[in-house]
N, C-alpha and C. Protein backbone atom coordinates (compact mmCIF):
# COMPACT_ATOMS: atom_id res chain seq x y z
N UNK A 1 79.26 68.23 144.60
CA UNK A 1 80.52 68.98 145.13
C UNK A 1 79.93 70.47 145.58
N UNK A 2 80.27 71.16 146.84
CA UNK A 2 79.52 72.22 147.68
C UNK A 2 80.43 73.17 146.62
N UNK A 3 79.74 74.17 146.62
CA UNK A 3 80.40 75.42 145.78
C UNK A 3 81.75 75.78 146.31
N UNK A 4 81.81 76.07 147.25
CA UNK A 4 83.36 76.25 147.96
C UNK A 4 84.31 75.34 147.28
N UNK A 5 83.92 73.87 147.65
CA UNK A 5 84.94 72.84 147.39
C UNK A 5 85.31 72.99 145.71
N UNK A 6 84.30 73.37 144.86
CA UNK A 6 84.16 73.69 143.39
C UNK A 6 85.56 74.71 143.18
N UNK A 7 85.24 75.87 144.01
CA UNK A 7 85.98 76.87 143.71
C UNK A 7 87.29 76.65 144.45
N UNK A 8 87.68 75.96 145.45
CA UNK A 8 88.97 75.24 145.80
C UNK A 8 89.46 74.61 144.82
N UNK A 9 88.93 73.80 144.31
CA UNK A 9 89.31 72.38 143.17
C UNK A 9 89.74 73.29 141.78
N UNK A 10 89.00 74.51 141.19
CA UNK A 10 89.59 74.91 140.31
C UNK A 10 90.81 76.19 140.43
N UNK A 11 90.68 76.48 141.89
CA UNK A 11 92.11 77.10 142.34
C UNK A 11 93.44 76.08 142.06
N UNK A 12 93.11 74.83 142.55
CA UNK A 12 94.51 74.23 142.79
C UNK A 12 94.59 74.14 141.14
N UNK A 13 93.47 73.51 140.03
CA UNK A 13 94.00 73.37 139.19
C UNK A 13 94.72 74.62 138.32
N UNK A 14 94.22 75.65 138.58
CA UNK A 14 94.81 76.91 137.95
C UNK A 14 96.16 77.16 138.32
N UNK A 15 96.48 76.88 140.00
CA UNK A 15 97.77 77.21 140.44
C UNK A 15 98.83 76.04 140.39
N UNK A 16 98.52 74.57 139.75
CA UNK A 16 99.19 73.80 139.88
C UNK A 16 100.36 73.93 139.16
N UNK A 17 100.49 74.66 138.04
CA UNK A 17 102.06 74.71 137.60
C UNK A 17 102.77 75.73 138.39
N UNK A 18 102.43 76.57 139.10
CA UNK A 18 103.25 77.04 140.15
C UNK A 18 103.65 76.27 141.45
N UNK A 19 103.03 75.25 141.44
CA UNK A 19 103.37 74.43 142.47
C UNK A 19 104.19 73.13 142.27
N UNK A 20 104.54 73.21 140.77
CA UNK A 20 105.57 71.82 140.66
C UNK A 20 106.75 71.88 141.34
N UNK A 21 107.52 70.64 141.18
CA UNK A 21 108.99 70.88 141.86
C UNK A 21 109.99 71.95 140.90
N UNK A 22 111.12 71.89 141.25
CA UNK A 22 112.11 72.92 141.05
C UNK A 22 112.53 72.59 139.46
N UNK A 23 112.49 71.60 138.72
CA UNK A 23 112.45 71.33 137.44
C UNK A 23 111.48 72.20 136.60
N UNK A 24 110.09 71.88 137.29
CA UNK A 24 108.97 72.58 136.48
C UNK A 24 109.12 73.91 136.49
N UNK A 25 109.33 74.46 137.57
CA UNK A 25 109.72 76.04 138.05
C UNK A 25 110.65 76.31 136.96
N UNK A 26 111.72 75.80 136.72
CA UNK A 26 112.98 75.98 135.86
C UNK A 26 112.50 76.11 134.44
N UNK A 27 111.79 75.09 133.84
CA UNK A 27 111.11 74.91 132.57
C UNK A 27 110.11 76.20 132.43
N UNK A 28 109.49 76.33 133.21
CA UNK A 28 108.34 77.59 133.39
C UNK A 28 109.25 78.61 133.28
N UNK A 29 110.16 78.95 134.06
CA UNK A 29 110.85 80.38 133.85
C UNK A 29 111.63 80.26 132.66
N UNK A 30 112.30 79.39 131.90
CA UNK A 30 113.06 79.29 130.89
C UNK A 30 111.97 79.51 129.73
N UNK A 31 110.89 78.96 129.71
CA UNK A 31 109.75 79.35 128.64
C UNK A 31 109.16 80.68 128.71
N UNK A 32 109.28 81.27 130.14
CA UNK A 32 108.91 83.00 130.17
C UNK A 32 109.94 83.59 129.40
N UNK A 33 111.21 83.34 129.73
CA UNK A 33 112.21 84.29 129.09
C UNK A 33 112.35 83.81 127.69
N UNK A 34 111.98 82.69 126.93
CA UNK A 34 112.27 82.57 125.65
C UNK A 34 111.03 83.14 124.89
N UNK A 35 109.89 83.20 125.56
CA UNK A 35 108.67 83.90 124.60
C UNK A 35 109.23 85.30 124.96
N UNK A 36 109.45 86.12 126.03
CA UNK A 36 109.91 87.32 126.20
C UNK A 36 110.85 88.04 124.91
N UNK A 37 111.72 86.86 125.06
CA UNK A 37 112.99 87.50 124.12
C UNK A 37 112.26 87.22 122.50
N UNK A 38 111.79 86.18 122.25
CA UNK A 38 111.40 85.84 121.14
C UNK A 38 110.17 87.00 120.72
N UNK A 39 108.98 87.62 121.57
CA UNK A 39 108.37 88.73 121.63
C UNK A 39 108.97 90.04 121.32
N UNK A 40 110.32 90.22 122.24
CA UNK A 40 111.02 91.58 121.73
C UNK A 40 111.87 91.49 120.69
N UNK A 41 112.14 90.36 120.14
CA UNK A 41 112.78 90.38 118.87
C UNK A 41 111.96 90.48 117.71
N UNK A 42 110.87 90.19 117.61
CA UNK A 42 109.76 90.29 116.62
C UNK A 42 109.25 91.82 116.62
N UNK A 43 109.09 92.17 118.01
CA UNK A 43 108.72 93.57 117.97
C UNK A 43 109.60 94.75 117.52
N UNK A 44 110.96 94.59 117.80
CA UNK A 44 112.34 95.23 117.41
C UNK A 44 112.23 95.11 115.60
N UNK A 45 112.04 93.96 115.09
CA UNK A 45 111.70 93.55 113.71
C UNK A 45 110.57 94.42 113.01
N UNK A 46 109.77 94.44 113.23
CA UNK A 46 108.63 95.04 112.77
C UNK A 46 108.78 96.65 112.97
N UNK A 47 109.60 97.37 114.30
CA UNK A 47 109.75 98.36 114.25
C UNK A 47 110.72 98.87 113.19
N UNK A 48 111.76 98.08 113.41
CA UNK A 48 113.12 98.21 112.19
C UNK A 48 112.30 98.46 110.61
N UNK A 49 111.37 97.51 110.42
CA UNK A 49 110.75 97.65 109.03
C UNK A 49 109.85 98.41 108.79
N UNK A 50 109.42 99.14 109.71
CA UNK A 50 108.50 100.43 109.65
C UNK A 50 109.36 101.28 109.28
N UNK A 51 110.21 101.83 110.06
CA UNK A 51 111.11 102.70 109.89
C UNK A 51 112.05 102.74 108.38
N UNK A 52 112.29 101.77 108.26
CA UNK A 52 112.95 101.17 107.22
C UNK A 52 111.91 101.77 105.83
N UNK A 53 110.60 101.29 105.94
CA UNK A 53 109.89 101.57 104.60
C UNK A 53 109.46 103.24 104.65
N UNK A 54 109.67 103.77 105.96
CA UNK A 54 109.00 105.38 105.75
C UNK A 54 110.03 105.88 105.20
N UNK A 55 111.57 105.46 105.45
CA UNK A 55 112.45 106.43 104.83
C UNK A 55 112.70 105.99 103.43
N UNK A 56 112.81 104.65 102.84
CA UNK A 56 112.61 104.37 101.71
C UNK A 56 111.67 104.93 100.84
N UNK A 57 110.20 105.08 101.16
CA UNK A 57 109.18 105.46 100.44
C UNK A 57 108.46 104.43 99.58
N UNK A 58 108.22 104.49 98.48
CA UNK A 58 107.21 103.80 97.78
C UNK A 58 108.10 103.02 97.02
N UNK A 59 107.50 101.74 96.94
CA UNK A 59 108.56 100.88 95.76
C UNK A 59 108.22 100.96 94.41
N UNK A 60 107.35 101.96 94.08
CA UNK A 60 107.19 102.37 92.40
C UNK A 60 108.30 102.74 91.71
N UNK A 61 108.65 102.62 90.60
CA UNK A 61 109.72 102.74 89.93
C UNK A 61 109.73 104.40 89.44
N UNK A 62 108.85 105.26 90.17
CA UNK A 62 108.78 106.51 89.58
C UNK A 62 108.34 107.59 91.12
N UNK A 63 108.85 108.69 90.62
CA UNK A 63 108.24 109.57 91.78
C UNK A 63 106.87 110.32 91.38
N UNK A 64 106.11 110.26 92.11
CA UNK A 64 104.61 111.47 91.81
C UNK A 64 104.88 112.72 91.54
N UNK A 65 104.23 113.48 90.72
CA UNK A 65 104.45 115.08 90.56
C UNK A 65 102.82 115.85 90.28
N UNK A 66 102.69 116.91 89.82
CA UNK A 66 101.70 117.34 89.69
C UNK A 66 100.67 116.68 89.07
N UNK A 67 99.23 117.28 88.90
CA UNK A 67 98.38 116.68 88.12
C UNK A 67 98.00 117.62 87.05
N UNK A 68 97.87 117.19 85.64
CA UNK A 68 97.71 117.77 84.50
C UNK A 68 96.19 117.44 84.03
N UNK A 69 95.32 118.51 83.55
CA UNK A 69 94.24 118.22 82.60
C UNK A 69 94.73 118.28 81.13
N UNK A 70 93.89 117.47 80.59
CA UNK A 70 94.50 117.46 78.97
C UNK A 70 93.08 117.57 78.06
N UNK A 71 92.96 118.42 77.58
CA UNK A 71 91.75 118.66 76.62
C UNK A 71 92.27 118.76 75.14
N UNK A 72 91.62 117.54 74.35
CA UNK A 72 92.18 117.40 73.24
C UNK A 72 91.01 118.49 72.06
N UNK A 73 91.36 119.18 71.20
CA UNK A 73 90.50 119.80 70.46
C UNK A 73 90.62 119.58 69.18
N UNK A 74 89.47 119.46 68.51
CA UNK A 74 89.74 119.51 66.75
C UNK A 74 88.88 120.86 66.16
N UNK A 75 89.93 121.29 65.70
CA UNK A 75 89.37 122.64 64.92
C UNK A 75 88.81 122.36 63.34
N UNK A 76 87.72 123.03 63.09
CA UNK A 76 87.32 122.82 61.84
C UNK A 76 88.57 123.37 60.75
N UNK A 77 88.64 122.70 59.58
CA UNK A 77 89.60 123.01 58.34
C UNK A 77 89.95 124.71 58.41
N UNK A 78 90.89 124.96 58.67
CA UNK A 78 91.47 126.54 58.61
C UNK A 78 90.73 127.40 59.47
N UNK A 79 90.43 127.03 60.98
CA UNK A 79 89.69 127.69 61.58
C UNK A 79 90.48 127.75 63.25
N UNK A 80 91.63 127.36 62.98
CA UNK A 80 92.58 126.89 64.28
C UNK A 80 92.99 128.39 64.78
N UNK A 81 93.49 129.28 63.77
CA UNK A 81 93.55 130.75 64.15
C UNK A 81 92.66 131.42 64.53
N UNK A 82 91.40 131.16 64.23
CA UNK A 82 90.06 131.93 64.65
C UNK A 82 89.92 131.40 66.18
N UNK A 83 90.07 130.31 66.21
CA UNK A 83 90.13 129.59 67.68
C UNK A 83 90.78 130.07 68.71
N UNK A 84 92.23 130.23 68.26
CA UNK A 84 93.47 130.54 69.43
C UNK A 84 92.82 131.99 69.37
N UNK A 85 92.52 132.76 68.61
CA UNK A 85 92.32 134.13 69.16
C UNK A 85 91.19 134.45 69.95
N UNK A 86 89.93 133.50 69.78
CA UNK A 86 89.11 133.61 70.90
C UNK A 86 89.37 133.21 72.27
N UNK A 87 90.27 132.06 72.33
CA UNK A 87 90.57 131.59 73.44
C UNK A 87 91.77 132.86 74.36
N UNK A 88 92.50 133.79 73.56
CA UNK A 88 93.42 134.52 73.63
C UNK A 88 92.60 135.46 74.66
N UNK A 89 91.45 135.94 74.17
CA UNK A 89 90.60 136.94 74.81
C UNK A 89 89.65 136.45 76.13
N UNK A 90 89.62 135.19 76.26
CA UNK A 90 88.78 134.31 77.06
C UNK A 90 89.16 133.80 77.88
N UNK A 91 90.09 132.64 77.68
CA UNK A 91 90.19 131.43 78.21
C UNK A 91 91.78 131.92 78.88
N UNK A 92 92.61 132.42 78.19
CA UNK A 92 93.87 133.03 78.75
C UNK A 92 93.79 133.69 79.80
N UNK A 93 93.06 134.90 79.53
CA UNK A 93 92.94 135.63 81.14
C UNK A 93 92.57 134.88 82.47
N UNK A 94 91.73 133.58 82.28
CA UNK A 94 91.37 133.03 83.38
C UNK A 94 92.17 132.10 83.81
N UNK A 95 93.00 131.51 83.09
CA UNK A 95 94.58 130.79 83.28
C UNK A 95 95.15 131.80 84.22
N UNK A 96 95.68 132.88 83.67
CA UNK A 96 96.62 133.85 83.90
C UNK A 96 96.02 134.21 85.45
N UNK A 97 94.90 134.38 85.70
CA UNK A 97 94.34 134.82 87.36
C UNK A 97 94.43 133.34 88.07
N UNK A 98 94.12 132.48 87.69
CA UNK A 98 94.16 131.32 88.53
C UNK A 98 95.73 130.72 88.84
N UNK A 99 96.73 131.04 87.74
CA UNK A 99 97.88 131.15 88.22
C UNK A 99 98.35 132.25 89.06
N UNK A 100 97.81 133.49 88.96
CA UNK A 100 98.16 134.38 89.95
C UNK A 100 97.79 134.10 91.29
N UNK A 101 96.71 133.37 91.30
CA UNK A 101 96.14 132.95 92.73
C UNK A 101 96.27 131.76 93.42
N UNK A 102 97.31 131.19 92.58
CA UNK A 102 97.89 129.51 92.65
C UNK A 102 97.07 128.63 92.67
N UNK A 103 96.20 128.74 92.19
CA UNK A 103 95.19 127.88 91.85
C UNK A 103 95.53 126.39 91.01
N UNK A 104 95.90 126.76 89.99
CA UNK A 104 96.87 126.31 88.99
C UNK A 104 98.38 126.59 89.05
N UNK A 105 99.16 125.84 88.64
CA UNK A 105 100.76 125.99 88.69
C UNK A 105 101.26 126.33 87.62
N UNK A 106 100.58 126.03 86.01
CA UNK A 106 100.54 126.53 85.02
C UNK A 106 100.06 126.21 83.72
N UNK A 107 100.17 126.64 82.90
CA UNK A 107 99.15 126.11 81.47
C UNK A 107 100.11 126.13 80.11
N UNK A 108 99.69 124.85 79.21
CA UNK A 108 100.11 125.28 78.28
C UNK A 108 98.97 124.80 77.03
N UNK A 109 99.54 125.54 76.07
CA UNK A 109 98.72 125.22 74.63
C UNK A 109 99.39 124.96 73.62
N UNK A 110 99.23 123.53 72.78
CA UNK A 110 99.90 123.35 71.96
C UNK A 110 99.17 123.14 70.56
N UNK A 111 99.76 123.29 69.55
CA UNK A 111 98.92 123.52 68.26
C UNK A 111 99.95 122.53 67.30
N UNK A 112 99.57 121.92 66.82
CA UNK A 112 99.63 120.86 65.62
C UNK A 112 99.09 120.47 64.57
N UNK A 113 99.62 119.46 63.81
CA UNK A 113 98.89 118.94 62.66
C UNK A 113 98.14 117.56 63.21
N UNK A 114 96.88 117.49 63.12
CA UNK A 114 96.18 116.34 63.33
C UNK A 114 96.68 115.12 62.39
N UNK A 115 96.86 114.00 62.84
CA UNK A 115 97.20 112.71 62.29
C UNK A 115 96.05 112.11 61.64
N UNK A 116 95.14 112.31 61.81
CA UNK A 116 94.09 111.73 61.12
C UNK A 116 92.68 112.93 60.90
N UNK A 117 91.67 112.64 60.23
CA UNK A 117 90.59 113.40 60.27
C UNK A 117 90.00 113.33 61.71
N UNK A 118 90.36 112.47 62.18
CA UNK A 118 89.46 112.15 63.70
C UNK A 118 90.23 112.88 64.75
N UNK A 119 91.47 112.99 64.54
CA UNK A 119 92.46 113.48 65.43
C UNK A 119 92.31 114.98 66.02
N UNK A 120 92.92 115.31 67.03
CA UNK A 120 92.93 116.73 67.50
C UNK A 120 94.27 117.53 66.96
N UNK A 121 93.89 118.43 66.88
CA UNK A 121 94.88 119.81 66.37
C UNK A 121 95.56 120.51 67.60
N UNK A 122 94.67 120.76 68.64
CA UNK A 122 95.26 121.56 69.69
C UNK A 122 94.89 120.78 70.90
N UNK A 123 95.80 120.92 71.80
CA UNK A 123 95.77 120.40 73.23
C UNK A 123 96.12 121.39 74.12
N UNK A 124 95.21 121.38 75.20
CA UNK A 124 95.32 122.63 76.23
C UNK A 124 95.90 121.48 77.75
N UNK A 125 96.75 122.12 78.25
CA UNK A 125 97.16 121.28 79.35
C UNK A 125 97.00 122.41 80.56
N UNK A 126 96.67 121.88 81.66
CA UNK A 126 96.77 122.74 82.81
C UNK A 126 97.19 121.85 83.91
N UNK A 127 98.15 122.54 84.47
CA UNK A 127 99.00 121.93 85.74
C UNK A 127 98.48 122.23 86.87
N UNK A 128 98.28 121.04 87.84
CA UNK A 128 97.51 121.32 89.05
C UNK A 128 98.48 120.71 90.09
N UNK A 129 98.43 121.57 91.36
CA UNK A 129 99.82 121.07 92.26
C UNK A 129 99.60 119.49 92.65
N UNK A 130 98.48 119.01 92.68
CA UNK A 130 98.01 117.60 93.09
C UNK A 130 96.94 117.60 93.04
N UNK A 131 96.27 116.12 93.48
CA UNK A 131 94.80 115.69 93.13
C UNK A 131 93.94 116.64 94.31
N UNK A 132 94.62 116.62 95.48
CA UNK A 132 93.52 117.78 96.19
C UNK A 132 93.17 119.16 95.88
N UNK A 133 93.95 119.49 94.75
CA UNK A 133 93.51 120.84 94.21
C UNK A 133 92.35 120.96 93.56
N UNK A 134 91.71 119.50 93.30
CA UNK A 134 90.51 119.44 92.74
C UNK A 134 89.47 120.05 93.55
N UNK A 135 89.64 119.58 95.30
CA UNK A 135 88.55 119.90 96.13
C UNK A 135 88.09 121.13 96.42
N UNK A 136 86.64 121.30 95.84
CA UNK A 136 86.29 122.62 96.00
C UNK A 136 86.75 123.51 94.78
N UNK A 137 87.05 123.09 93.70
CA UNK A 137 87.74 123.86 92.51
C UNK A 137 86.81 124.77 91.85
N UNK A 138 85.72 124.47 91.80
CA UNK A 138 84.76 125.15 91.04
C UNK A 138 84.44 126.56 92.16
N UNK A 139 84.30 126.15 93.20
CA UNK A 139 84.28 127.66 94.00
C UNK A 139 85.35 128.58 93.95
N UNK A 140 86.41 128.11 93.98
CA UNK A 140 87.41 129.20 93.50
C UNK A 140 87.61 129.65 91.96
N UNK A 141 87.11 128.66 90.96
CA UNK A 141 87.26 129.09 89.71
C UNK A 141 86.22 130.14 89.32
N UNK A 142 84.67 129.68 89.76
CA UNK A 142 83.56 130.67 89.34
C UNK A 142 83.93 132.01 89.44
N UNK A 143 84.46 132.57 90.65
CA UNK A 143 84.33 133.85 90.33
C UNK A 143 85.41 134.64 89.46
N UNK A 144 86.42 134.00 89.20
CA UNK A 144 87.32 134.34 88.20
C UNK A 144 86.60 134.33 86.91
N UNK A 145 86.14 133.11 86.40
CA UNK A 145 85.31 133.15 84.81
C UNK A 145 84.31 134.34 85.05
N UNK A 146 83.72 134.49 86.27
CA UNK A 146 82.56 135.42 86.14
C UNK A 146 83.24 136.85 85.73
N UNK A 147 84.47 137.22 86.36
CA UNK A 147 85.02 138.40 86.30
C UNK A 147 85.58 138.66 85.10
N UNK A 148 86.25 137.90 84.28
CA UNK A 148 87.00 137.72 83.09
C UNK A 148 86.19 137.58 81.77
N UNK A 149 85.19 136.23 82.22
CA UNK A 149 84.30 136.14 80.72
C UNK A 149 82.83 136.80 81.01
N UNK A 150 82.51 137.60 81.93
CA UNK A 150 81.22 137.69 82.23
C UNK A 150 79.91 137.13 82.69
N UNK A 151 78.84 137.56 82.58
CA UNK A 151 78.01 136.58 83.16
C UNK A 151 77.74 135.45 82.40
N UNK A 152 76.72 134.60 83.09
CA UNK A 152 76.42 133.40 82.55
C UNK A 152 76.07 133.50 81.09
N UNK A 153 74.95 134.34 80.77
CA UNK A 153 74.51 134.16 79.24
C UNK A 153 75.48 134.80 78.31
N UNK A 154 76.38 135.71 78.55
CA UNK A 154 77.43 135.95 77.94
C UNK A 154 78.42 134.64 77.86
N UNK A 155 78.52 134.07 79.01
CA UNK A 155 79.83 132.67 78.51
C UNK A 155 79.07 131.91 77.38
N UNK A 156 77.97 131.68 77.70
CA UNK A 156 76.81 130.53 76.99
C UNK A 156 76.97 131.03 75.53
N UNK A 157 76.87 132.39 75.14
CA UNK A 157 76.72 132.76 73.65
C UNK A 157 78.31 132.36 73.26
N UNK A 158 79.23 132.98 73.87
CA UNK A 158 80.70 132.79 73.57
C UNK A 158 80.88 131.19 73.21
N UNK A 159 80.51 130.23 74.19
CA UNK A 159 80.57 128.60 74.16
C UNK A 159 79.99 128.09 72.81
N UNK A 160 78.46 128.91 72.57
CA UNK A 160 77.77 128.46 71.50
C UNK A 160 78.40 128.81 70.05
N UNK A 161 79.05 129.74 70.19
CA UNK A 161 80.00 130.73 68.79
C UNK A 161 80.88 129.81 68.75
N UNK A 162 81.69 129.15 69.65
CA UNK A 162 82.70 128.03 69.38
C UNK A 162 82.43 126.98 68.91
N UNK A 163 81.06 126.76 69.12
CA UNK A 163 80.79 125.07 68.40
C UNK A 163 80.84 125.16 67.23
N UNK A 164 80.55 126.17 66.36
CA UNK A 164 80.94 126.47 64.85
C UNK A 164 82.52 126.07 64.46
N UNK A 165 83.12 126.42 65.27
CA UNK A 165 84.79 126.48 64.75
C UNK A 165 85.54 125.02 65.50
N UNK A 166 84.83 124.64 66.42
CA UNK A 166 85.76 123.62 66.97
C UNK A 166 84.90 122.14 67.41
N UNK A 167 85.43 121.52 67.73
CA UNK A 167 84.78 120.29 68.77
C UNK A 167 85.86 119.91 69.69
N UNK A 168 85.31 119.57 70.99
CA UNK A 168 86.29 119.23 72.08
C UNK A 168 85.95 117.57 71.94
N UNK A 169 87.15 116.85 71.67
CA UNK A 169 87.33 115.32 71.36
C UNK A 169 87.19 114.46 72.70
N UNK A 170 87.79 115.15 74.19
CA UNK A 170 87.71 114.40 75.04
C UNK A 170 88.79 115.15 76.26
N UNK A 171 88.65 114.74 77.49
CA UNK A 171 89.52 115.58 78.52
C UNK A 171 90.05 114.29 79.32
N UNK A 172 91.23 114.36 79.73
CA UNK A 172 91.85 113.34 80.51
C UNK A 172 92.66 114.05 81.68
N UNK A 173 92.38 113.46 82.77
CA UNK A 173 93.28 114.08 83.94
C UNK A 173 94.30 113.07 84.20
N UNK A 174 95.64 113.35 84.29
CA UNK A 174 96.96 112.51 84.51
C UNK A 174 97.85 113.40 85.59
N UNK A 175 98.64 112.25 86.02
CA UNK A 175 99.64 112.55 87.05
C UNK A 175 100.78 112.55 86.62
N UNK A 176 101.74 113.35 86.52
CA UNK A 176 102.91 113.55 86.14
C UNK A 176 103.99 112.36 86.92
N UNK A 177 104.80 111.99 86.19
CA UNK A 177 105.94 110.76 86.94
C UNK A 177 106.90 111.38 86.79
N UNK A 178 108.01 111.29 87.36
CA UNK A 178 109.35 111.02 87.13
C UNK A 178 110.21 109.71 87.28
N UNK A 179 110.66 109.23 86.48
CA UNK A 179 111.33 107.73 86.59
C UNK A 179 112.10 107.92 87.51
N UNK A 180 112.52 106.80 88.56
CA UNK A 180 113.85 106.91 89.42
C UNK A 180 114.66 106.53 88.83
């Protein structure tokens, strides 16, 4: 077959459905309408479902709230008040300034009895607005810490002094939730 005849043959194969009798044409038109309606119905269904999801929100049984860091501290027997005096002079002014600058939302310090010799008796909680608050947090906090607690050498001496009266058992970061 010559190239022009081959092209003509391919064209005939491709155009054959358009050249069929009236019944074939009606079936083709009906198929096109059915496909178009089905496509529009599916598209509308997806659109409606997306909007319903957006307005409904998460399917979790809770709403997400602020993020808290919890520091669990065990003071040596009889030295809890001494530790609390130390952090009143150093940590409290840092938290107050961070709160003033809206770096943190709030902080709480809890004091209680340890449930065992390995348990903490002081819990420090610091509330942040969200996880994004931790981005570049040190850049925001370092100037405040230096202003309130002094140069690095002075801060190190204070930290070493605290080793004699307390042990940090651990730190956790958790999101506050409100049940729906």
